[in-house]
All heavy atoms as atom14 arrays in JSON, in Angstrom:
{
  "sequence": "PVYNSEKFLEKSLKSLSEQTIDSIEFICVNDGSTDSSLDILNDFAER",
  "atom14_mask": [
    [1, 1, 1, 1, 1, 1, 1, 0, 0, 0, 0, 0, 0, 0],
    [1, 1, 1, 1, 1, 1, 1, 0, 0, 0, 0, 0, 0, 0],
    [1, 1, 1, 1, 1, 1, 1, 1, 1, 1, 1, 1, 0, 0],
    [1, 1, 1, 1, 1, 1, 1, 1, 0, 0, 0, 0, 0, 0],
    [1, 1, 1, 1, 1, 1, 0, 0, 0, 0, 0, 0, 0, 0],
    [1, 1, 1, 1, 1, 1, 1, 1, 1, 0, 0, 0, 0, 0],
    [1, 1, 1, 1, 1, 1, 1, 1, 1, 0, 0, 0, 0, 0],
    [1, 1, 1, 1, 1, 1, 1, 1, 1, 1, 1, 0, 0, 0],
    [1, 1, 1, 1, 1, 1, 1, 1, 0, 0, 0, 0, 0, 0],
    [1, 1, 1, 1, 1, 1, 1, 1, 1, 0, 0, 0, 0, 0],
    [1, 1, 1, 1, 1, 1, 1, 1, 1, 0, 0, 0, 0, 0],
    [1, 1, 1, 1, 1, 1, 0, 0, 0, 0, 0, 0, 0, 0],
    [1, 1, 1, 1, 1, 1, 1, 1, 0, 0, 0, 0, 0, 0],
    [1, 1, 1, 1, 1, 1, 1, 1, 1, 0, 0, 0, 0, 0],
    [1, 1, 1, 1, 1, 1, 0, 0, 0, 0, 0, 0, 0, 0],
    [1, 1, 1, 1, 1, 1, 1, 1, 0, 0, 0, 0, 0, 0],
    [1, 1, 1, 1, 1, 1, 0, 0, 0, 0, 0, 0, 0, 0],
    [1, 1, 1, 1, 1, 1, 1, 1, 1, 0, 0, 0, 0, 0],
    [1, 1, 1, 1, 1, 1, 1, 1, 1, 0, 0, 0, 0, 0],
    [1, 1, 1, 1, 1, 1, 1, 0, 0, 0, 0, 0, 0, 0],
    [1, 1, 1, 1, 1, 1, 1, 1, 0, 0, 0, 0, 0, 0],
    [1, 1, 1, 1, 1, 1, 1, 1, 0, 0, 0, 0, 0, 0],
    [1, 1, 1, 1, 1, 1, 0, 0, 0, 0, 0, 0, 0, 0],
    [1, 1, 1, 1, 1, 1, 1, 1, 0, 0, 0, 0, 0, 0],
    [1, 1, 1, 1, 1, 1, 1, 1, 1, 0, 0, 0, 0, 0],
    [1, 1, 1, 1, 1, 1, 1, 1, 1, 1, 1, 0, 0, 0],
    [1, 1, 1, 1, 1, 1, 1, 1, 0, 0, 0, 0, 0, 0],
    [1, 1, 1, 1, 1, 1, 0, 0, 0, 0, 0, 0, 0, 0],
    [1, 1, 1, 1, 1, 1, 1, 0, 0, 0, 0, 0, 0, 0],
    [1, 1, 1, 1, 1, 1, 1, 1, 0, 0, 0, 0, 0, 0],
    [1, 1, 1, 1, 1, 1, 1, 1, 0, 0, 0, 0, 0, 0],
    [1, 1, 1, 1, 0, 0, 0, 0, 0, 0, 0, 0, 0, 0],
    [1, 1, 1, 1, 1, 1, 0, 0, 0, 0, 0, 0, 0, 0],
    [1, 1, 1, 1, 1, 1, 1, 0, 0, 0, 0, 0, 0, 0],
    [1, 1, 1, 1, 1, 1, 1, 1, 0, 0, 0, 0, 0, 0],
    [1, 1, 1, 1, 1, 1, 0, 0, 0, 0, 0, 0, 0, 0],
    [1, 1, 1, 1, 1, 1, 0, 0, 0, 0, 0, 0, 0, 0],
    [1, 1, 1, 1, 1, 1, 1, 1, 0, 0, 0, 0, 0, 0],
    [1, 1, 1, 1, 1, 1, 1, 1, 0, 0, 0, 0, 0, 0],
    [1, 1, 1, 1, 1, 1, 1, 1, 0, 0, 0, 0, 0, 0],
    [1, 1, 1, 1, 1, 1, 1, 1, 0, 0, 0, 0, 0, 0],
    [1, 1, 1, 1, 1, 1, 1, 1, 0, 0, 0, 0, 0, 0],
    [1, 1, 1, 1, 1, 1, 1, 1, 0, 0, 0, 0, 0, 0],
    [1, 1, 1, 1, 1, 1, 1, 1, 1, 1, 1, 0, 0, 0],
    [1, 1, 1, 1, 1, 0, 0, 0, 0, 0, 0, 0, 0, 0],
    [1, 1, 1, 1, 1, 1, 1, 1, 1, 0, 0, 0, 0, 0],
    [1, 1, 1, 1, 1, 1, 1, 1, 1, 1, 1, 0, 0, 0]
  ],
  "atom14_positions": [
    [[10.09, 0.62, -59.81], [8.86, 1.0, -59.11], [8.09, -0.17, -58.62], [8.05, -1.2, -59.4], [8.1, 1.81, -60.16], [8.61, 1.19, -61.44], [10.0, 0.76, -61.25], [0.0, 0.0, 0.0], [0.0, 0.0, 0.0], [0.0, 0.0, 0.0], [0.0, 0.0, 0.0], [0.0, 0.0, 0.0], [0.0, 0.0, 0.0], [0.0, 0.0, 0.0]],
    [[7.55, -0.16, -57.46], [6.88, -1.35, -56.91], [5.48, -0.95, -56.39], [5.38, -0.05, -55.55], [7.7, -1.95, -55.73], [6.95, -3.17, -55.12], [9.05, -2.36, -56.19], [0.0, 0.0, 0.0], [0.0, 0.0, 0.0], [0.0, 0.0, 0.0], [0.0, 0.0, 0.0], [0.0, 0.0, 0.0], [0.0, 0.0, 0.0], [0.0, 0.0, 0.0]],
    [[4.5, -1.71, -56.84], [3.13, -1.5, -56.31], [2.44, -2.87, -56.28], [2.14, -3.46, -57.31], [2.3, -0.51, -57.13], [0.89, -0.3, -56.64], [0.63, 0.35, -55.45], [-0.18, -0.91, -57.3], [-0.65, 0.48, -54.97], [-1.45, -0.73, -56.88], [-1.71, -0.08, -55.65], [-2.97, 0.08, -55.16], [0.0, 0.0, 0.0], [0.0, 0.0, 0.0]],
    [[2.13, -3.34, -55.07], [1.4, -4.57, -54.92], [1.9, -5.73, -55.75], [1.18, -6.31, -56.53], [-0.13, -4.39, -55.08], [-0.76, -3.59, -54.02], [-0.18, -3.27, -52.98], [-2.01, -3.17, -54.24], [0.0, 0.0, 0.0], [0.0, 0.0, 0.0], [0.0, 0.0, 0.0], [0.0, 0.0, 0.0], [0.0, 0.0, 0.0], [0.0, 0.0, 0.0]],
    [[3.24, -5.96, -55.65], [3.91, -6.93, -56.5], [4.33, -8.19, -55.79], [5.25, -8.9, -56.24], [5.12, -6.26, -57.15], [4.74, -5.05, -57.81], [0.0, 0.0, 0.0], [0.0, 0.0, 0.0], [0.0, 0.0, 0.0], [0.0, 0.0, 0.0], [0.0, 0.0, 0.0], [0.0, 0.0, 0.0], [0.0, 0.0, 0.0], [0.0, 0.0, 0.0]],
    [[3.72, -8.5, -54.62], [4.23, -9.64, -53.77], [4.34, -10.95, -54.51], [5.2, -11.8, -54.24], [3.4, -9.76, -52.57], [1.96, -10.11, -52.85], [1.09, -10.3, -51.57], [1.61, -9.97, -50.49], [-0.05, -10.66, -51.62], [0.0, 0.0, 0.0], [0.0, 0.0, 0.0], [0.0, 0.0, 0.0], [0.0, 0.0, 0.0], [0.0, 0.0, 0.0]],
    [[3.49, -11.17, -55.54], [3.51, -12.48, -56.22], [4.78, -12.78, -56.94], [5.25, -13.93, -57.02], [2.33, -12.55, -57.24], [0.95, -12.61, -56.55], [-0.12, -12.69, -57.64], [-1.52, -12.65, -57.06], [-2.54, -12.7, -58.17], [0.0, 0.0, 0.0], [0.0, 0.0, 0.0], [0.0, 0.0, 0.0], [0.0, 0.0, 0.0], [0.0, 0.0, 0.0]],
    [[5.36, -11.69, -57.54], [6.56, -11.9, -58.39], [7.75, -11.12, -57.87], [8.84, -11.26, -58.47], [6.26, -11.45, -59.79], [5.09, -12.2, -60.43], [3.78, -11.65, -60.42], [5.22, -13.48, -60.97], [2.74, -12.32, -60.97], [4.19, -14.1, -61.5], [2.96, -13.65, -61.5], [0.0, 0.0, 0.0], [0.0, 0.0, 0.0], [0.0, 0.0, 0.0]],
    [[7.63, -10.4, -56.83], [8.69, -9.43, -56.42], [9.96, -10.16, -56.0], [11.1, -9.72, -56.35], [8.22, -8.55, -55.25], [9.14, -7.4, -54.83], [9.5, -6.53, -56.03], [8.48, -6.61, -53.72], [0.0, 0.0, 0.0], [0.0, 0.0, 0.0], [0.0, 0.0, 0.0], [0.0, 0.0, 0.0], [0.0, 0.0, 0.0], [0.0, 0.0, 0.0]],
    [[9.84, -11.26, -55.26], [11.07, -11.96, -54.82], [11.87, -12.48, -56.03], [13.14, -12.4, -56.0], [10.68, -13.1, -53.9], [10.21, -12.69, -52.52], [10.33, -13.73, -51.51], [11.31, -14.56, -51.56], [9.51, -13.81, -50.6], [0.0, 0.0, 0.0], [0.0, 0.0, 0.0], [0.0, 0.0, 0.0], [0.0, 0.0, 0.0], [0.0, 0.0, 0.0]],
    [[11.22, -13.02, -57.03], [11.93, -13.42, -58.23], [12.63, -12.28, -58.91], [13.85, -12.42, -59.3], [10.98, -14.08, -59.21], [11.64, -14.63, -60.49], [10.57, -15.25, -61.39], [11.22, -15.79, -62.65], [12.1, -16.93, -62.43], [0.0, 0.0, 0.0], [0.0, 0.0, 0.0], [0.0, 0.0, 0.0], [0.0, 0.0, 0.0], [0.0, 0.0, 0.0]],
    [[11.94, -11.11, -58.96], [12.6, -9.94, -59.6], [13.79, -9.45, -58.78], [14.9, -9.17, -59.39], [11.55, -8.83, -59.69], [10.42, -9.23, -60.53], [0.0, 0.0, 0.0], [0.0, 0.0, 0.0], [0.0, 0.0, 0.0], [0.0, 0.0, 0.0], [0.0, 0.0, 0.0], [0.0, 0.0, 0.0], [0.0, 0.0, 0.0], [0.0, 0.0, 0.0]],
    [[13.63, -9.3, -57.5], [14.73, -8.86, -56.66], [15.84, -9.82, -56.61], [17.03, -9.39, -56.51], [14.17, -8.49, -55.26], [13.09, -7.41, -55.15], [12.68, -7.2, -53.69], [13.5, -6.16, -55.84], [0.0, 0.0, 0.0], [0.0, 0.0, 0.0], [0.0, 0.0, 0.0], [0.0, 0.0, 0.0], [0.0, 0.0, 0.0], [0.0, 0.0, 0.0]],
    [[15.56, -11.11, -56.6], [16.63, -12.09, -56.62], [17.51, -11.98, -57.83], [18.69, -12.11, -57.78], [16.02, -13.5, -56.51], [17.06, -14.6, -56.36], [16.34, -15.95, -56.11], [17.35, -17.07, -55.88], [18.12, -17.44, -57.09], [0.0, 0.0, 0.0], [0.0, 0.0, 0.0], [0.0, 0.0, 0.0], [0.0, 0.0, 0.0], [0.0, 0.0, 0.0]],
    [[16.87, -11.61, -58.96], [17.62, -11.48, -60.19], [18.55, -10.27, -60.09], [19.64, -10.26, -60.75], [16.66, -11.33, -61.43], [16.09, -10.05, -61.56], [0.0, 0.0, 0.0], [0.0, 0.0, 0.0], [0.0, 0.0, 0.0], [0.0, 0.0, 0.0], [0.0, 0.0, 0.0], [0.0, 0.0, 0.0], [0.0, 0.0, 0.0], [0.0, 0.0, 0.0]],
    [[18.17, -9.26, -59.33], [19.03, -8.16, -59.11], [20.19, -8.51, -58.2], [21.36, -8.12, -58.44], [18.18, -6.98, -58.51], [17.16, -6.31, -59.43], [16.43, -5.2, -58.67], [17.74, -5.8, -60.67], [0.0, 0.0, 0.0], [0.0, 0.0, 0.0], [0.0, 0.0, 0.0], [0.0, 0.0, 0.0], [0.0, 0.0, 0.0], [0.0, 0.0, 0.0]],
    [[19.84, -9.14, -57.12], [20.93, -9.57, -56.17], [21.95, -10.49, -56.77], [23.04, -10.51, -56.27], [20.23, -10.21, -54.92], [19.71, -11.48, -55.24], [0.0, 0.0, 0.0], [0.0, 0.0, 0.0], [0.0, 0.0, 0.0], [0.0, 0.0, 0.0], [0.0, 0.0, 0.0], [0.0, 0.0, 0.0], [0.0, 0.0, 0.0], [0.0, 0.0, 0.0]],
    [[21.61, -11.14, -57.85], [22.55, -12.03, -58.47], [23.36, -11.34, -59.6], [24.23, -12.03, -60.22], [21.78, -13.21, -59.13], [21.19, -14.16, -58.09], [20.3, -15.27, -58.67], [19.98, -15.15, -59.88], [19.98, -16.25, -58.02], [0.0, 0.0, 0.0], [0.0, 0.0, 0.0], [0.0, 0.0, 0.0], [0.0, 0.0, 0.0], [0.0, 0.0, 0.0]],
    [[23.2, -10.07, -59.75], [24.01, -9.34, -60.72], [25.49, -9.37, -60.4], [25.81, -9.44, -59.18], [23.55, -7.87, -60.9], [22.17, -7.75, -61.45], [22.02, -8.42, -62.83], [22.72, -8.09, -63.79], [21.16, -9.34, -62.9], [0.0, 0.0, 0.0], [0.0, 0.0, 0.0], [0.0, 0.0, 0.0], [0.0, 0.0, 0.0], [0.0, 0.0, 0.0]],
    [[26.28, -9.46, -61.41], [27.74, -9.88, -61.2], [28.66, -8.67, -60.96], [29.87, -8.83, -61.05], [28.17, -10.7, -62.38], [27.93, -10.01, -63.58], [27.43, -11.97, -62.43], [0.0, 0.0, 0.0], [0.0, 0.0, 0.0], [0.0, 0.0, 0.0], [0.0, 0.0, 0.0], [0.0, 0.0, 0.0], [0.0, 0.0, 0.0], [0.0, 0.0, 0.0]],
    [[28.11, -7.53, -60.73], [28.99, -6.33, -60.41], [28.54, -5.76, -59.05], [27.42, -5.81, -58.64], [28.92, -5.28, -61.53], [27.52, -4.75, -61.72], [29.52, -5.81, -62.79], [27.45, -3.65, -62.73], [0.0, 0.0, 0.0], [0.0, 0.0, 0.0], [0.0, 0.0, 0.0], [0.0, 0.0, 0.0], [0.0, 0.0, 0.0], [0.0, 0.0, 0.0]],
    [[29.54, -5.2, -58.32], [29.27, -4.6, -57.05], [29.04, -3.14, -57.13], [28.37, -2.55, -56.22], [30.51, -4.85, -56.1], [30.65, -6.33, -55.76], [29.57, -7.0, -55.54], [31.81, -6.83, -55.64], [0.0, 0.0, 0.0], [0.0, 0.0, 0.0], [0.0, 0.0, 0.0], [0.0, 0.0, 0.0], [0.0, 0.0, 0.0], [0.0, 0.0, 0.0]],
    [[29.57, -2.47, -58.14], [29.46, -0.99, -58.24], [28.09, -0.65, -58.85], [27.98, -0.02, -59.88], [30.56, -0.43, -59.14], [30.56, -1.13, -60.38], [0.0, 0.0, 0.0], [0.0, 0.0, 0.0], [0.0, 0.0, 0.0], [0.0, 0.0, 0.0], [0.0, 0.0, 0.0], [0.0, 0.0, 0.0], [0.0, 0.0, 0.0], [0.0, 0.0, 0.0]],
    [[27.04, -1.03, -58.11], [25.68, -0.88, -58.61], [24.77, -0.67, -57.41], [25.04, -1.14, -56.3], [25.25, -2.19, -59.41], [23.95, -1.99, -60.13], [25.16, -3.39, -58.46], [23.62, -3.1, -61.14], [0.0, 0.0, 0.0], [0.0, 0.0, 0.0], [0.0, 0.0, 0.0], [0.0, 0.0, 0.0], [0.0, 0.0, 0.0], [0.0, 0.0, 0.0]],
    [[23.66, 0.08, -57.64], [22.63, 0.24, -56.6], [21.26, -0.07, -57.23], [21.02, 0.18, -58.42], [22.65, 1.64, -56.06], [22.38, 2.74, -57.08], [22.43, 4.18, -56.43], [22.77, 4.27, -55.25], [22.07, 5.1, -57.17], [0.0, 0.0, 0.0], [0.0, 0.0, 0.0], [0.0, 0.0, 0.0], [0.0, 0.0, 0.0], [0.0, 0.0, 0.0]],
    [[20.41, -0.63, -56.38], [19.04, -0.91, -56.85], [18.12, -0.04, -56.07], [17.96, -0.22, -54.82], [18.75, -2.41, -56.6], [19.76, -3.36, -57.11], [20.49, -4.19, -56.25], [20.13, -3.4, -58.49], [21.44, -5.09, -56.74], [21.07, -4.24, -58.92], [21.78, -5.08, -58.08], [0.0, 0.0, 0.0], [0.0, 0.0, 0.0], [0.0, 0.0, 0.0]],
    [[17.46, 0.91, -56.69], [16.59, 1.83, -56.04], [15.17, 1.37, -56.27], [14.6, 1.53, -57.33], [16.81, 3.28, -56.5], [18.28, 3.72, -56.39], [15.91, 4.23, -55.73], [18.55, 5.07, -57.01], [0.0, 0.0, 0.0], [0.0, 0.0, 0.0], [0.0, 0.0, 0.0], [0.0, 0.0, 0.0], [0.0, 0.0, 0.0], [0.0, 0.0, 0.0]],
    [[14.57, 0.81, -55.2], [13.23, 0.26, -55.29], [12.27, 1.22, -54.55], [12.45, 1.53, -53.39], [13.16, -1.12, -54.66], [14.32, -2.29, -55.34], [0.0, 0.0, 0.0], [0.0, 0.0, 0.0], [0.0, 0.0, 0.0], [0.0, 0.0, 0.0], [0.0, 0.0, 0.0], [0.0, 0.0, 0.0], [0.0, 0.0, 0.0], [0.0, 0.0, 0.0]],
    [[11.24, 1.63, -55.28], [10.34, 2.66, -54.7], [9.01, 1.92, -54.47], [8.26, 1.58, -55.39], [10.09, 3.8, -55.73], [9.2, 4.88, -55.08], [11.45, 4.42, -56.09], [0.0, 0.0, 0.0], [0.0, 0.0, 0.0], [0.0, 0.0, 0.0], [0.0, 0.0, 0.0], [0.0, 0.0, 0.0], [0.0, 0.0, 0.0], [0.0, 0.0, 0.0]],
    [[8.67, 1.8, -53.17], [7.38, 1.21, -52.84], [6.32, 2.29, -52.92], [6.31, 3.29, -52.13], [7.4, 0.66, -51.39], [6.05, 0.06, -50.99], [5.51, -0.79, -51.68], [5.45, 0.57, -49.9], [0.0, 0.0, 0.0], [0.0, 0.0, 0.0], [0.0, 0.0, 0.0], [0.0, 0.0, 0.0], [0.0, 0.0, 0.0], [0.0, 0.0, 0.0]],
    [[5.45, 2.18, -53.91], [4.45, 3.28, -54.21], [3.14, 2.99, -53.52], [2.11, 2.78, -54.2], [4.33, 3.36, -55.73], [3.5, 4.6, -56.11], [3.75, 5.69, -55.58], [2.64, 4.46, -56.97], [0.0, 0.0, 0.0], [0.0, 0.0, 0.0], [0.0, 0.0, 0.0], [0.0, 0.0, 0.0], [0.0, 0.0, 0.0], [0.0, 0.0, 0.0]],
    [[3.17, 2.93, -52.16], [1.95, 2.76, -51.46], [1.35, 1.38, -51.55], [0.08, 1.27, -51.47], [0.0, 0.0, 0.0], [0.0, 0.0, 0.0], [0.0, 0.0, 0.0], [0.0, 0.0, 0.0], [0.0, 0.0, 0.0], [0.0, 0.0, 0.0], [0.0, 0.0, 0.0], [0.0, 0.0, 0.0], [0.0, 0.0, 0.0], [0.0, 0.0, 0.0]],
    [[2.18, 0.35, -51.61], [1.61, -0.97, -51.69], [0.74, -1.33, -50.46], [1.14, -0.95, -49.35], [2.78, -2.02, -51.87], [3.49, -1.81, -53.05], [0.0, 0.0, 0.0], [0.0, 0.0, 0.0], [0.0, 0.0, 0.0], [0.0, 0.0, 0.0], [0.0, 0.0, 0.0], [0.0, 0.0, 0.0], [0.0, 0.0, 0.0], [0.0, 0.0, 0.0]],
    [[-0.24, -2.09, -50.67], [-1.12, -2.59, -49.55], [-0.95, -4.04, -49.27], [-1.55, -4.58, -48.4], [-2.58, -2.31, -49.86], [-2.92, -2.95, -51.11], [-2.86, -0.76, -50.0], [0.0, 0.0, 0.0], [0.0, 0.0, 0.0], [0.0, 0.0, 0.0], [0.0, 0.0, 0.0], [0.0, 0.0, 0.0], [0.0, 0.0, 0.0], [0.0, 0.0, 0.0]],
    [[-0.04, -4.66, -49.94], [0.29, -6.11, -49.71], [1.65, -6.15, -49.0], [2.04, -5.25, -48.31], [0.33, -6.88, -51.02], [1.32, -6.43, -52.0], [2.16, -5.52, -51.67], [1.38, -7.0, -53.08], [0.0, 0.0, 0.0], [0.0, 0.0, 0.0], [0.0, 0.0, 0.0], [0.0, 0.0, 0.0], [0.0, 0.0, 0.0], [0.0, 0.0, 0.0]],
    [[2.37, -7.31, -49.09], [3.59, -7.49, -48.31], [4.81, -6.97, -49.12], [5.94, -7.31, -48.73], [3.75, -8.9, -47.96], [3.84, -9.75, -49.12], [0.0, 0.0, 0.0], [0.0, 0.0, 0.0], [0.0, 0.0, 0.0], [0.0, 0.0, 0.0], [0.0, 0.0, 0.0], [0.0, 0.0, 0.0], [0.0, 0.0, 0.0], [0.0, 0.0, 0.0]],
    [[4.64, -6.19, -50.18], [5.76, -5.81, -51.03], [6.85, -5.03, -50.18], [8.09, -5.3, -50.36], [5.28, -4.84, -52.12], [4.54, -5.53, -53.08], [0.0, 0.0, 0.0], [0.0, 0.0, 0.0], [0.0, 0.0, 0.0], [0.0, 0.0, 0.0], [0.0, 0.0, 0.0], [0.0, 0.0, 0.0], [0.0, 0.0, 0.0], [0.0, 0.0, 0.0]],
    [[6.43, -4.18, -49.35], [7.39, -3.41, -48.53], [8.24, -4.29, -47.67], [9.5, -4.09, -47.47], [6.76, -2.29, -47.75], [7.63, -1.37, -46.91], [8.7, -0.68, -47.82], [6.89, -0.41, -46.1], [0.0, 0.0, 0.0], [0.0, 0.0, 0.0], [0.0, 0.0, 0.0], [0.0, 0.0, 0.0], [0.0, 0.0, 0.0], [0.0, 0.0, 0.0]],
    [[7.62, -5.29, -47.03], [8.37, -6.22, -46.2], [9.38, -7.01, -47.03], [10.53, -7.22, -46.55], [7.37, -7.26, -45.54], [6.47, -6.55, -44.55], [6.86, -5.54, -43.98], [5.35, -7.1, -44.36], [0.0, 0.0, 0.0], [0.0, 0.0, 0.0], [0.0, 0.0, 0.0], [0.0, 0.0, 0.0], [0.0, 0.0, 0.0], [0.0, 0.0, 0.0]],
    [[9.04, -7.45, -48.21], [9.95, -8.17, -49.09], [11.15, -7.23, -49.46], [12.29, -7.6, -49.44], [9.19, -8.63, -50.37], [8.16, -9.65, -49.96], [10.22, -9.22, -51.35], [7.21, -10.03, -51.1], [0.0, 0.0, 0.0], [0.0, 0.0, 0.0], [0.0, 0.0, 0.0], [0.0, 0.0, 0.0], [0.0, 0.0, 0.0], [0.0, 0.0, 0.0]],
    [[10.8, -5.92, -49.78], [11.87, -5.0, -50.1], [12.82, -4.81, -48.96], [14.07, -4.79, -49.12], [11.3, -3.67, -50.52], [10.5, -3.62, -51.83], [9.79, -2.25, -51.97], [11.46, -3.79, -53.0], [0.0, 0.0, 0.0], [0.0, 0.0, 0.0], [0.0, 0.0, 0.0], [0.0, 0.0, 0.0], [0.0, 0.0, 0.0], [0.0, 0.0, 0.0]],
    [[12.32, -4.62, -47.78], [13.17, -4.41, -46.58], [14.01, -5.6, -46.25], [15.14, -5.49, -45.87], [12.32, -4.04, -45.39], [11.75, -2.6, -45.52], [12.35, -1.76, -46.15], [10.59, -2.37, -44.91], [0.0, 0.0, 0.0], [0.0, 0.0, 0.0], [0.0, 0.0, 0.0], [0.0, 0.0, 0.0], [0.0, 0.0, 0.0], [0.0, 0.0, 0.0]],
    [[13.48, -6.79, -46.56], [14.26, -8.0, -46.26], [15.41, -8.09, -47.2], [16.57, -8.45, -46.75], [13.29, -9.24, -46.44], [14.0, -10.52, -46.2], [14.55, -10.68, -45.08], [14.06, -11.39, -47.16], [0.0, 0.0, 0.0], [0.0, 0.0, 0.0], [0.0, 0.0, 0.0], [0.0, 0.0, 0.0], [0.0, 0.0, 0.0], [0.0, 0.0, 0.0]],
    [[15.27, -7.76, -48.43], [16.36, -7.8, -49.41], [17.4, -6.71, -49.01], [18.62, -6.9, -49.14], [15.91, -7.59, -50.81], [15.56, -8.86, -51.52], [14.32, -9.47, -51.37], [16.53, -9.5, -52.37], [14.0, -10.64, -51.98], [16.18, -10.72, -52.97], [14.96, -11.3, -52.82], [0.0, 0.0, 0.0], [0.0, 0.0, 0.0], [0.0, 0.0, 0.0]],
    [[16.94, -5.49, -48.62], [17.83, -4.45, -48.23], [18.7, -4.78, -46.99], [19.85, -4.38, -46.97], [17.04, -3.19, -47.95], [0.0, 0.0, 0.0], [0.0, 0.0, 0.0], [0.0, 0.0, 0.0], [0.0, 0.0, 0.0], [0.0, 0.0, 0.0], [0.0, 0.0, 0.0], [0.0, 0.0, 0.0], [0.0, 0.0, 0.0], [0.0, 0.0, 0.0]],
    [[18.12, -5.59, -46.09], [18.87, -6.03, -44.92], [19.98, -6.98, -45.29], [21.04, -7.01, -44.71], [17.98, -6.67, -43.89], [17.05, -5.67, -43.19], [16.08, -6.4, -42.25], [16.25, -7.62, -42.04], [15.21, -5.78, -41.66], [0.0, 0.0, 0.0], [0.0, 0.0, 0.0], [0.0, 0.0, 0.0], [0.0, 0.0, 0.0], [0.0, 0.0, 0.0]],
    [[19.8, -7.72, -46.34], [20.74, -8.76, -46.77], [21.75, -8.26, -47.79], [22.78, -8.94, -47.96], [19.99, -10.0, -47.26], [19.25, -10.76, -46.21], [18.6, -12.09, -46.71], [17.34, -11.78, -47.37], [16.99, -12.22, -48.59], [17.91, -12.91, -49.27], [15.81, -11.97, -49.1], [0.0, 0.0, 0.0], [0.0, 0.0, 0.0], [0.0, 0.0, 0.0]]
  ]
}
């Protein structure tokens, strides 16, 4: 779950992207953030 987490979100998502298995999904729920959290989430999803 994500709400106005821009300060630490990249570090958190990076730790997910570095997980060593492929058979996994990361479901991130932007709960009405008013900061740049959604942009950060979409950037990771694109990559």
